[in-house]
């Protein structure tokens, strides 16, 4: 039986929310300072948690980085799945929004740091560095195939992804990225 001072046990939702917040803080801290220059102490401070508490949740900086990147990539993929599932909207509109969820939010001087952090540390991410982009390509390909047939879906999806990567590195703002991406999508989707 717990003592009155201990309070009620933490609910799973509260623990999940806390973990999510810690991982969000960690990713922002890694993006700000880079993987090598970020310490567990800095992450703990940013997450408003003690360093021992952080180590209780994550055994190492690498484990923390992997979990933070995985959470971000899983969120992005879930958002893309949700957008593409809305068959009542035109395909071109859904594709632009899907690319915005996957890459557009990482365009611009401050947001770019997160994408660069993940792209620059594939060895720390392991298999995740390959599986998330592959899943994104599958989702885009499947959405195109439903409307245009499988014959050209793969090449169209790959071309859109290549265009998005180029635009992400060229566009100064998310608005410019989206404007140019819309043009690319309209060229590739009838």
N, C-alpha and C. Protein backbone atom coordinates (compact mmCIF):
# COMPACT_ATOMS: atom_id res chain seq x y z
N UNK A 1 0.84 -1.18 0.00
CA UNK A 1 0.00 0.00 0.00
C UNK A 1 0.89 1.25 0.00
N UNK A 2 0.53 2.24 -0.80
CA UNK A 2 1.36 3.44 -0.89
C UNK A 2 1.04 4.39 0.24
N UNK A 3 2.03 5.19 0.59
CA UNK A 3 1.85 6.17 1.66
C UNK A 3 1.08 7.38 1.13
N UNK A 4 0.43 8.14 2.01
CA UNK A 4 -0.34 9.29 1.55
C UNK A 4 0.52 10.34 0.86
N UNK A 5 1.81 10.44 1.25
CA UNK A 5 2.67 11.45 0.64
C UNK A 5 3.02 11.10 -0.80
N UNK A 6 3.02 9.82 -1.14
CA UNK A 6 3.43 9.38 -2.47
C UNK A 6 2.44 9.80 -3.53
N UNK A 7 1.19 9.94 -3.18
CA UNK A 7 0.18 10.30 -4.16
C UNK A 7 -0.21 9.10 -4.99
N UNK A 8 -1.15 9.28 -5.89
CA UNK A 8 -1.60 8.16 -6.72
C UNK A 8 -0.51 7.72 -7.68
N UNK A 9 -0.53 6.45 -8.06
CA UNK A 9 0.46 5.99 -9.03
C UNK A 9 0.27 6.72 -10.35
N UNK A 10 1.36 6.93 -11.05
CA UNK A 10 1.29 7.62 -12.34
C UNK A 10 0.51 6.77 -13.33
N UNK A 11 -0.35 7.41 -14.07
CA UNK A 11 -1.12 6.68 -15.07
C UNK A 11 -0.24 6.41 -16.29
N UNK A 12 -0.58 5.37 -17.06
CA UNK A 12 0.21 5.09 -18.27
C UNK A 12 0.24 6.28 -19.22
N UNK A 13 -0.87 6.99 -19.33
CA UNK A 13 -0.92 8.14 -20.22
C UNK A 13 0.06 9.21 -19.76
N UNK A 14 0.11 9.46 -18.45
CA UNK A 14 1.03 10.46 -17.92
C UNK A 14 2.47 10.05 -18.21
N UNK A 15 2.79 8.78 -18.01
CA UNK A 15 4.14 8.30 -18.28
C UNK A 15 4.46 8.40 -19.78
N UNK A 16 3.50 8.07 -20.62
CA UNK A 16 3.69 8.18 -22.06
C UNK A 16 3.88 9.63 -22.46
N UNK A 17 3.07 10.52 -21.91
CA UNK A 17 3.19 11.95 -22.20
C UNK A 17 4.55 12.48 -21.74
N UNK A 18 5.00 12.03 -20.58
CA UNK A 18 6.29 12.47 -20.06
C UNK A 18 7.41 12.00 -20.97
N UNK A 19 7.36 10.74 -21.37
CA UNK A 19 8.38 10.19 -22.27
C UNK A 19 8.39 10.95 -23.60
N UNK A 20 7.20 11.22 -24.13
CA UNK A 20 7.08 11.98 -25.38
C UNK A 20 7.71 13.36 -25.24
N UNK A 21 7.42 14.03 -24.13
CA UNK A 21 7.98 15.37 -23.90
C UNK A 21 9.50 15.32 -23.76
N UNK A 22 10.01 14.31 -23.07
CA UNK A 22 11.46 14.17 -22.91
C UNK A 22 12.10 13.95 -24.28
N UNK A 23 11.50 13.10 -25.11
CA UNK A 23 12.06 12.84 -26.43
C UNK A 23 11.99 14.06 -27.33
N UNK A 24 10.92 14.83 -27.23
CA UNK A 24 10.83 16.07 -28.00
C UNK A 24 11.92 17.05 -27.57
N UNK A 25 12.13 17.18 -26.27
CA UNK A 25 13.19 18.06 -25.76
C UNK A 25 14.55 17.57 -26.19
N UNK A 26 14.75 16.27 -26.16
CA UNK A 26 16.03 15.68 -26.56
C UNK A 26 16.32 15.99 -28.02
N UNK A 27 15.35 15.78 -28.89
CA UNK A 27 15.56 16.02 -30.31
C UNK A 27 15.89 17.49 -30.57
N UNK A 28 15.19 18.38 -29.90
CA UNK A 28 15.47 19.81 -30.07
C UNK A 28 16.88 20.15 -29.57
N UNK A 29 17.29 19.53 -28.48
CA UNK A 29 18.63 19.79 -27.94
C UNK A 29 19.70 19.22 -28.86
N UNK A 30 19.49 18.01 -29.36
CA UNK A 30 20.43 17.43 -30.31
C UNK A 30 20.53 18.29 -31.57
N UNK A 31 19.39 18.79 -32.04
CA UNK A 31 19.39 19.62 -33.24
C UNK A 31 20.14 20.93 -33.00
N UNK A 32 19.99 21.47 -31.82
CA UNK A 32 20.64 22.74 -31.52
C UNK A 32 22.16 22.62 -31.41
N UNK A 33 22.62 21.59 -30.72
CA UNK A 33 24.06 21.46 -30.44
C UNK A 33 24.77 20.40 -31.27
N UNK A 34 24.01 19.54 -31.97
CA UNK A 34 24.62 18.42 -32.67
C UNK A 34 24.74 17.23 -31.74
N UNK A 35 24.85 16.06 -32.31
CA UNK A 35 24.91 14.85 -31.49
C UNK A 35 26.12 14.85 -30.58
N UNK A 36 27.28 15.09 -31.13
CA UNK A 36 28.52 14.97 -30.35
C UNK A 36 28.62 15.98 -29.21
N UNK A 37 28.14 17.19 -29.43
CA UNK A 37 28.27 18.24 -28.42
C UNK A 37 27.14 18.25 -27.39
N UNK A 38 26.12 17.44 -27.60
CA UNK A 38 25.01 17.39 -26.66
C UNK A 38 25.34 16.42 -25.53
N UNK A 39 25.13 16.87 -24.32
CA UNK A 39 25.34 16.00 -23.16
C UNK A 39 23.99 15.58 -22.58
N UNK A 40 24.00 14.51 -21.84
CA UNK A 40 22.78 14.06 -21.16
C UNK A 40 22.32 15.13 -20.17
N UNK A 41 23.25 15.84 -19.59
CA UNK A 41 22.92 16.92 -18.64
C UNK A 41 22.11 18.02 -19.35
N UNK A 42 22.53 18.40 -20.57
CA UNK A 42 21.80 19.43 -21.32
C UNK A 42 20.40 18.96 -21.68
N UNK A 43 20.29 17.69 -22.07
CA UNK A 43 18.96 17.15 -22.40
C UNK A 43 18.09 17.13 -21.15
N UNK A 44 18.63 16.68 -20.04
CA UNK A 44 17.86 16.63 -18.79
C UNK A 44 17.36 18.03 -18.42
N UNK A 45 18.23 19.02 -18.54
CA UNK A 45 17.85 20.40 -18.23
C UNK A 45 16.71 20.86 -19.15
N UNK A 46 16.86 20.61 -20.44
CA UNK A 46 15.83 21.03 -21.39
C UNK A 46 14.50 20.31 -21.16
N UNK A 47 14.57 19.07 -20.70
CA UNK A 47 13.37 18.27 -20.48
C UNK A 47 12.78 18.46 -19.08
N UNK A 48 13.46 19.26 -18.25
CA UNK A 48 13.01 19.49 -16.87
C UNK A 48 12.91 18.18 -16.09
N UNK A 49 13.99 17.43 -16.18
CA UNK A 49 14.08 16.14 -15.50
C UNK A 49 15.50 16.04 -14.93
N UNK A 50 15.66 15.26 -13.90
CA UNK A 50 17.01 15.10 -13.35
C UNK A 50 17.83 14.21 -14.29
N UNK A 51 19.15 14.37 -14.24
CA UNK A 51 20.01 13.52 -15.06
C UNK A 51 19.83 12.05 -14.69
N UNK A 52 19.77 11.69 -13.38
CA UNK A 52 19.51 10.28 -13.05
C UNK A 52 18.15 9.81 -13.58
N UNK A 53 17.17 10.71 -13.56
CA UNK A 53 15.85 10.36 -14.11
C UNK A 53 15.92 10.09 -15.60
N UNK A 54 16.73 10.87 -16.30
CA UNK A 54 16.92 10.67 -17.73
C UNK A 54 17.60 9.32 -18.00
N UNK A 55 18.63 9.03 -17.20
CA UNK A 55 19.31 7.74 -17.35
C UNK A 55 18.41 6.57 -16.97
N UNK A 56 17.44 6.81 -16.11
CA UNK A 56 16.48 5.76 -15.78
C UNK A 56 15.63 5.43 -17.01
N UNK A 57 15.29 6.46 -17.78
CA UNK A 57 14.48 6.25 -18.98
C UNK A 57 15.30 5.74 -20.17
N UNK A 58 16.56 6.21 -20.28
CA UNK A 58 17.41 5.87 -21.42
C UNK A 58 18.81 5.56 -20.92
N UNK A 59 19.31 4.40 -21.26
CA UNK A 59 20.59 3.93 -20.73
C UNK A 59 21.80 4.68 -21.26
N UNK A 60 21.65 5.34 -22.40
CA UNK A 60 22.80 6.03 -22.99
C UNK A 60 22.32 7.17 -23.89
N UNK A 61 23.26 8.00 -24.29
CA UNK A 61 22.95 9.09 -25.21
C UNK A 61 22.50 8.52 -26.55
N UNK A 62 23.13 7.45 -27.00
CA UNK A 62 22.74 6.85 -28.27
C UNK A 62 21.32 6.30 -28.19
N UNK A 63 20.97 5.64 -27.09
CA UNK A 63 19.61 5.11 -26.93
C UNK A 63 18.60 6.25 -26.92
N UNK A 64 18.94 7.35 -26.27
CA UNK A 64 18.07 8.52 -26.24
C UNK A 64 17.91 9.11 -27.63
N UNK A 65 19.02 9.26 -28.36
CA UNK A 65 18.96 9.81 -29.71
C UNK A 65 18.11 8.94 -30.62
N UNK A 66 18.33 7.62 -30.56
CA UNK A 66 17.53 6.71 -31.39
C UNK A 66 16.05 6.82 -31.08
N UNK A 67 15.71 6.85 -29.81
CA UNK A 67 14.31 6.94 -29.42
C UNK A 67 13.70 8.26 -29.87
N UNK A 68 14.45 9.36 -29.74
CA UNK A 68 13.94 10.67 -30.15
C UNK A 68 13.72 10.73 -31.66
N UNK A 69 14.70 10.24 -32.42
CA UNK A 69 14.57 10.23 -33.88
C UNK A 69 13.45 9.29 -34.30
N UNK A 70 13.35 8.13 -33.67
CA UNK A 70 12.29 7.18 -34.00
C UNK A 70 10.92 7.79 -33.76
N UNK A 71 10.76 8.48 -32.64
CA UNK A 71 9.48 9.11 -32.34
C UNK A 71 9.12 10.13 -33.41
N UNK A 72 10.09 10.96 -33.81
CA UNK A 72 9.83 11.97 -34.83
C UNK A 72 9.47 11.33 -36.17
N UNK A 73 10.23 10.31 -36.57
CA UNK A 73 9.96 9.64 -37.85
C UNK A 73 8.62 8.91 -37.82
N UNK A 74 8.31 8.25 -36.70
CA UNK A 74 7.02 7.55 -36.59
C UNK A 74 5.86 8.54 -36.64
N UNK A 75 6.01 9.68 -36.02
CA UNK A 75 4.97 10.72 -36.08
C UNK A 75 4.77 11.20 -37.51
N UNK A 76 5.89 11.42 -38.20
CA UNK A 76 5.81 11.87 -39.59
C UNK A 76 5.10 10.83 -40.46
N UNK A 77 5.47 9.57 -40.32
CA UNK A 77 4.86 8.50 -41.11
C UNK A 77 3.37 8.38 -40.79
N UNK A 78 3.00 8.46 -39.52
CA UNK A 78 1.59 8.39 -39.13
C UNK A 78 0.81 9.55 -39.76
N UNK A 79 1.39 10.74 -39.77
CA UNK A 79 0.72 11.89 -40.38
C UNK A 79 0.55 11.68 -41.88
N UNK A 80 1.57 11.14 -42.54
CA UNK A 80 1.50 10.86 -43.98
C UNK A 80 0.42 9.83 -44.25
N UNK A 81 0.38 8.76 -43.47
CA UNK A 81 -0.66 7.73 -43.65
C UNK A 81 -2.05 8.33 -43.52
N UNK A 82 -2.24 9.18 -42.53
CA UNK A 82 -3.54 9.81 -42.29
C UNK A 82 -3.95 10.68 -43.49
N UNK A 83 -3.02 11.48 -43.97
CA UNK A 83 -3.31 12.38 -45.10
C UNK A 83 -3.67 11.58 -46.35
N UNK A 84 -2.87 10.57 -46.66
CA UNK A 84 -3.08 9.80 -47.89
C UNK A 84 -4.33 8.93 -47.83
N UNK A 85 -4.80 8.60 -46.64
CA UNK A 85 -5.99 7.76 -46.50
C UNK A 85 -7.28 8.49 -46.83
N UNK A 86 -7.26 9.80 -46.88
CA UNK A 86 -8.46 10.59 -47.14
C UNK A 86 -8.77 10.61 -48.64
N UNK A 87 -9.38 9.53 -49.11
CA UNK A 87 -9.65 9.36 -50.54
C UNK A 87 -10.67 10.35 -51.10
N UNK A 88 -11.31 11.13 -50.25
CA UNK A 88 -12.29 12.11 -50.73
C UNK A 88 -11.62 13.36 -51.28
N UNK A 89 -10.34 13.54 -51.00
CA UNK A 89 -9.59 14.70 -51.50
C UNK A 89 -8.84 14.31 -52.77
N UNK A 90 -8.57 15.26 -53.64
CA UNK A 90 -7.81 14.96 -54.86
C UNK A 90 -6.40 14.46 -54.51
N UNK A 91 -5.88 13.54 -55.33
CA UNK A 91 -4.58 12.94 -55.09
C UNK A 91 -3.47 13.99 -55.01
N UNK A 92 -3.45 14.94 -55.92
CA UNK A 92 -2.38 15.95 -55.92
C UNK A 92 -2.36 16.72 -54.60
N UNK A 93 -3.52 17.07 -54.10
CA UNK A 93 -3.62 17.79 -52.83
C UNK A 93 -3.10 16.92 -51.67
N UNK A 94 -3.47 15.65 -51.67
CA UNK A 94 -3.00 14.74 -50.61
C UNK A 94 -1.49 14.52 -50.69
N UNK A 95 -0.96 14.43 -51.90
CA UNK A 95 0.49 14.24 -52.06
C UNK A 95 1.27 15.44 -51.54
N UNK A 96 0.82 16.64 -51.88
CA UNK A 96 1.50 17.84 -51.40
C UNK A 96 1.48 17.88 -49.87
N UNK A 97 0.35 17.59 -49.29
CA UNK A 97 0.27 17.60 -47.82
C UNK A 97 1.12 16.49 -47.21
N UNK A 98 1.16 15.32 -47.85
CA UNK A 98 1.99 14.22 -47.35
C UNK A 98 3.47 14.62 -47.37
N UNK A 99 3.92 15.23 -48.45
CA UNK A 99 5.31 15.68 -48.52
C UNK A 99 5.57 16.79 -47.50
N UNK A 100 4.58 17.63 -47.26
CA UNK A 100 4.74 18.67 -46.25
C UNK A 100 4.93 18.04 -44.87
N UNK A 101 4.16 17.00 -44.58
CA UNK A 101 4.29 16.31 -43.29
C UNK A 101 5.64 15.62 -43.16
N UNK A 102 6.12 15.07 -44.25
CA UNK A 102 7.37 14.31 -44.24
C UNK A 102 8.61 15.22 -44.28
N UNK A 103 8.57 16.23 -45.13
CA UNK A 103 9.78 17.05 -45.34
C UNK A 103 9.55 18.54 -45.16
N UNK A 104 8.38 19.04 -45.50
CA UNK A 104 8.12 20.47 -45.48
C UNK A 104 8.30 21.12 -44.12
N UNK A 105 7.95 20.40 -43.07
CA UNK A 105 8.08 20.98 -41.72
C UNK A 105 9.54 21.16 -41.33
N UNK A 106 10.46 20.55 -42.11
CA UNK A 106 11.89 20.66 -41.83
C UNK A 106 12.59 21.64 -42.76
N UNK A 107 11.82 22.50 -43.41
CA UNK A 107 12.40 23.51 -44.30
C UNK A 107 12.49 24.82 -43.53
N UNK A 108 13.56 25.53 -43.73
CA UNK A 108 13.77 26.80 -43.06
C UNK A 108 14.93 26.70 -42.09
N UNK A 109 15.46 27.83 -41.70
CA UNK A 109 16.69 27.85 -40.92
C UNK A 109 16.62 27.10 -39.59
N UNK A 110 15.56 27.23 -38.83
CA UNK A 110 15.49 26.58 -37.52
C UNK A 110 15.06 25.12 -37.64
N UNK A 111 14.05 24.84 -38.43
CA UNK A 111 13.53 23.48 -38.55
C UNK A 111 14.52 22.56 -39.26
N UNK A 112 15.35 23.11 -40.14
CA UNK A 112 16.29 22.31 -40.92
C UNK A 112 17.26 21.55 -40.02
N UNK A 113 17.57 22.09 -38.85
CA UNK A 113 18.53 21.44 -37.96
C UNK A 113 18.12 20.02 -37.58
N UNK A 114 16.82 19.78 -37.37
CA UNK A 114 16.35 18.44 -37.01
C UNK A 114 16.58 17.48 -38.16
N UNK A 115 16.22 17.85 -39.36
CA UNK A 115 16.41 16.97 -40.52
C UNK A 115 17.89 16.69 -40.75
N UNK A 116 18.71 17.70 -40.64
CA UNK A 116 20.16 17.52 -40.84
C UNK A 116 20.71 16.59 -39.77
N UNK A 117 20.27 16.76 -38.55
CA UNK A 117 20.72 15.90 -37.45
C UNK A 117 20.43 14.44 -37.76
N UNK A 118 19.24 14.14 -38.20
CA UNK A 118 18.86 12.75 -38.50
C UNK A 118 19.62 12.25 -39.72
N UNK A 119 19.71 13.07 -40.77
CA UNK A 119 20.41 12.66 -41.99
C UNK A 119 21.91 12.47 -41.77
N UNK A 120 22.50 13.26 -40.88
CA UNK A 120 23.95 13.20 -40.66
C UNK A 120 24.40 12.09 -39.71
N UNK A 121 23.45 11.38 -39.10
CA UNK A 121 23.80 10.35 -38.13
C UNK A 121 23.14 9.01 -38.42
N UNK A 122 23.20 8.53 -39.66
CA UNK A 122 22.53 7.27 -39.98
C UNK A 122 23.11 6.08 -39.21
N UNK A 123 24.41 6.13 -38.90
CA UNK A 123 25.02 5.03 -38.15
C UNK A 123 24.43 4.92 -36.75
N UNK A 124 24.01 6.02 -36.16
CA UNK A 124 23.41 5.99 -34.83
C UNK A 124 21.97 5.49 -34.87
N UNK A 125 21.33 5.66 -36.01
CA UNK A 125 19.93 5.26 -36.13
C UNK A 125 19.76 3.79 -36.51
N UNK A 126 20.79 3.19 -37.06
CA UNK A 126 20.68 1.80 -37.47
C UNK A 126 19.66 1.63 -38.59
N UNK A 127 18.90 0.57 -38.51
CA UNK A 127 17.92 0.21 -39.55
C UNK A 127 16.86 1.28 -39.77
N UNK A 128 16.56 2.05 -38.74
CA UNK A 128 15.54 3.10 -38.83
C UNK A 128 15.86 4.11 -39.93
N UNK A 129 17.14 4.36 -40.17
CA UNK A 129 17.55 5.31 -41.21
C UNK A 129 17.12 4.85 -42.59
N UNK A 130 16.90 3.55 -42.75
CA UNK A 130 16.47 3.00 -44.04
C UNK A 130 14.98 2.72 -44.07
N UNK A 131 14.42 2.21 -42.98
CA UNK A 131 13.03 1.76 -42.99
C UNK A 131 12.03 2.91 -43.10
N UNK A 132 12.27 4.02 -42.44
CA UNK A 132 11.31 5.13 -42.50
C UNK A 132 11.22 5.73 -43.91
N UNK A 133 12.34 6.06 -44.56
CA UNK A 133 12.22 6.56 -45.94
C UNK A 133 11.61 5.53 -46.90
N UNK A 134 11.92 4.26 -46.69
CA UNK A 134 11.33 3.21 -47.52
C UNK A 134 9.82 3.17 -47.34
N UNK A 135 9.36 3.29 -46.08
CA UNK A 135 7.92 3.28 -45.80
C UNK A 135 7.25 4.49 -46.44
N UNK A 136 7.90 5.64 -46.38
CA UNK A 136 7.34 6.84 -47.01
C UNK A 136 7.19 6.61 -48.51
N UNK A 137 8.22 6.07 -49.14
CA UNK A 137 8.15 5.79 -50.58
C UNK A 137 7.02 4.82 -50.90
N UNK A 138 6.85 3.79 -50.09
CA UNK A 138 5.76 2.83 -50.30
C UNK A 138 4.40 3.52 -50.22
N UNK A 139 4.23 4.38 -49.24
CA UNK A 139 2.95 5.09 -49.08
C UNK A 139 2.65 5.97 -50.28
N UNK A 140 3.65 6.70 -50.75
CA UNK A 140 3.46 7.58 -51.91
C UNK A 140 3.17 6.74 -53.15
N UNK A 141 3.93 5.68 -53.34
CA UNK A 141 3.74 4.80 -54.50
C UNK A 141 2.34 4.20 -54.50
N UNK A 142 1.90 3.70 -53.36
CA UNK A 142 0.57 3.09 -53.27
C UNK A 142 -0.53 4.09 -53.56
N UNK A 143 -0.39 5.32 -53.06
CA UNK A 143 -1.41 6.34 -53.32
C UNK A 143 -1.49 6.67 -54.81
N UNK A 144 -0.35 6.75 -55.46
CA UNK A 144 -0.33 7.04 -56.90
C UNK A 144 -0.90 5.86 -57.67
N UNK A 145 -0.55 4.64 -57.27
CA UNK A 145 -1.00 3.44 -57.97
C UNK A 145 -2.53 3.31 -57.97
N UNK A 146 -3.16 3.70 -56.88
CA UNK A 146 -4.62 3.61 -56.79
C UNK A 146 -5.27 4.47 -57.87
N UNK A 147 -4.70 5.63 -58.13
CA UNK A 147 -5.28 6.56 -59.10
C UNK A 147 -4.78 6.34 -60.53
N UNK A 148 -3.50 6.01 -60.66
CA UNK A 148 -2.89 5.99 -61.99
C UNK A 148 -2.43 4.62 -62.46
N UNK A 149 -2.56 3.62 -61.62
CA UNK A 149 -2.09 2.29 -61.99
C UNK A 149 -0.65 2.07 -61.54
N UNK A 150 -0.31 0.81 -61.36
CA UNK A 150 0.99 0.44 -60.82
C UNK A 150 2.14 0.67 -61.81
N UNK A 151 1.87 0.65 -63.10
CA UNK A 151 2.93 0.70 -64.12
C UNK A 151 3.88 1.88 -63.94
N UNK A 152 3.36 3.05 -63.66
CA UNK A 152 4.21 4.24 -63.54
C UNK A 152 4.31 4.77 -62.11
N UNK A 153 3.63 4.13 -61.19
CA UNK A 153 3.56 4.65 -59.81
C UNK A 153 4.93 4.74 -59.15
N UNK A 154 5.74 3.71 -59.29
CA UNK A 154 7.05 3.72 -58.63
C UNK A 154 7.94 4.83 -59.16
N UNK A 155 8.02 4.95 -60.48
CA UNK A 155 8.90 5.99 -61.03
C UNK A 155 8.38 7.39 -60.71
N UNK A 156 7.07 7.58 -60.69
CA UNK A 156 6.52 8.89 -60.32
C UNK A 156 6.82 9.21 -58.86
N UNK A 157 6.63 8.23 -57.99
CA UNK A 157 6.90 8.43 -56.56
C UNK A 157 8.37 8.77 -56.34
N UNK A 158 9.26 8.02 -56.96
CA UNK A 158 10.69 8.27 -56.80
C UNK A 158 11.09 9.64 -57.34
N UNK A 159 10.48 10.05 -58.44
CA UNK A 159 10.77 11.36 -59.01
C UNK A 159 10.28 12.47 -58.07
N UNK A 160 9.09 12.29 -57.49
CA UNK A 160 8.58 13.28 -56.54
C UNK A 160 9.48 13.36 -55.31
N UNK A 161 9.94 12.23 -54.83
CA UNK A 161 10.82 12.21 -53.65
C UNK A 161 12.12 12.93 -53.97
N UNK A 162 12.68 12.66 -55.15
CA UNK A 162 13.91 13.35 -55.55
C UNK A 162 13.69 14.86 -55.66
N UNK A 163 12.57 15.24 -56.23
CA UNK A 163 12.25 16.67 -56.34
C UNK A 163 12.11 17.29 -54.95
N UNK A 164 11.44 16.59 -54.05
CA UNK A 164 11.25 17.08 -52.69
C UNK A 164 12.59 17.28 -51.98
N UNK A 165 13.50 16.32 -52.14
CA UNK A 165 14.82 16.42 -51.51
C UNK A 165 15.56 17.65 -52.03
N UNK A 166 15.53 17.82 -53.34
CA UNK A 166 16.19 18.99 -53.92
C UNK A 166 15.56 20.29 -53.44
N UNK A 167 14.24 20.34 -53.43
CA UNK A 167 13.55 21.54 -53.00
C UNK A 167 13.80 21.84 -51.52
N UNK A 168 13.86 20.80 -50.72
CA UNK A 168 14.09 20.98 -49.29
C UNK A 168 15.42 21.69 -49.04
N UNK A 169 16.40 21.39 -49.88
CA UNK A 169 17.72 22.00 -49.70
C UNK A 169 17.84 23.36 -50.39
N UNK A 170 16.93 23.65 -51.32
CA UNK A 170 16.99 24.91 -52.05
C UNK A 170 16.07 25.98 -51.47
N UNK A 171 14.93 25.57 -50.95
CA UNK A 171 13.93 26.54 -50.50
C UNK A 171 14.33 27.18 -49.17
N UNK A 172 14.16 28.48 -49.11
CA UNK A 172 14.50 29.20 -47.88
C UNK A 172 13.38 29.11 -46.85
N UNK A 173 12.15 28.92 -47.33
CA UNK A 173 11.02 28.85 -46.41
C UNK A 173 10.12 27.68 -46.78
N UNK A 174 9.30 27.31 -45.84
CA UNK A 174 8.33 26.24 -46.07
C UNK A 174 7.35 26.63 -47.18
N UNK A 175 6.96 27.90 -47.22
CA UNK A 175 6.04 28.37 -48.25
C UNK A 175 6.60 28.21 -49.65
N UNK A 176 7.87 28.55 -49.83
CA UNK A 176 8.53 28.39 -51.13
C UNK A 176 8.62 26.91 -51.48
N UNK A 177 8.98 26.09 -50.50
CA UNK A 177 9.05 24.64 -50.72
C UNK A 177 7.70 24.12 -51.22
N UNK A 178 6.61 24.49 -50.55
CA UNK A 178 5.28 23.99 -50.91
C UNK A 178 4.84 24.48 -52.28
N UNK A 179 5.12 25.73 -52.58
CA UNK A 179 4.75 26.30 -53.88
C UNK A 179 5.42 25.53 -55.02
N UNK A 180 6.71 25.29 -54.87
CA UNK A 180 7.45 24.57 -55.92
C UNK A 180 7.09 23.09 -55.95
N UNK A 181 6.80 22.52 -54.79
CA UNK A 181 6.40 21.11 -54.74
C UNK A 181 5.05 20.91 -55.44
N UNK A 182 4.12 21.84 -55.25
CA UNK A 182 2.84 21.76 -55.92
C UNK A 182 3.03 21.70 -57.44
N UNK A 183 3.93 22.52 -57.95
CA UNK A 183 4.21 22.51 -59.39
C UNK A 183 4.76 21.15 -59.83
N UNK A 184 5.67 20.59 -59.05
CA UNK A 184 6.25 19.28 -59.38
C UNK A 184 5.19 18.18 -59.35
N UNK A 185 4.34 18.20 -58.34
CA UNK A 185 3.29 17.18 -58.22
C UNK A 185 2.33 17.28 -59.39
N UNK A 186 1.95 18.48 -59.76
CA UNK A 186 1.00 18.66 -60.87
C UNK A 186 1.59 18.22 -62.21
N UNK A 187 2.92 18.26 -62.34
CA UNK A 187 3.57 17.75 -63.55
C UNK A 187 3.54 16.22 -63.61
N UNK A 188 3.57 15.59 -62.45
CA UNK A 188 3.70 14.14 -62.39
C UNK A 188 2.38 13.39 -62.15
N UNK A 189 1.36 14.09 -61.69
CA UNK A 189 0.07 13.45 -61.42
C UNK A 189 -0.97 14.04 -62.35
N UNK A 190 -1.56 13.21 -63.17
CA UNK A 190 -2.56 13.71 -64.13
C UNK A 190 -3.81 14.26 -63.44
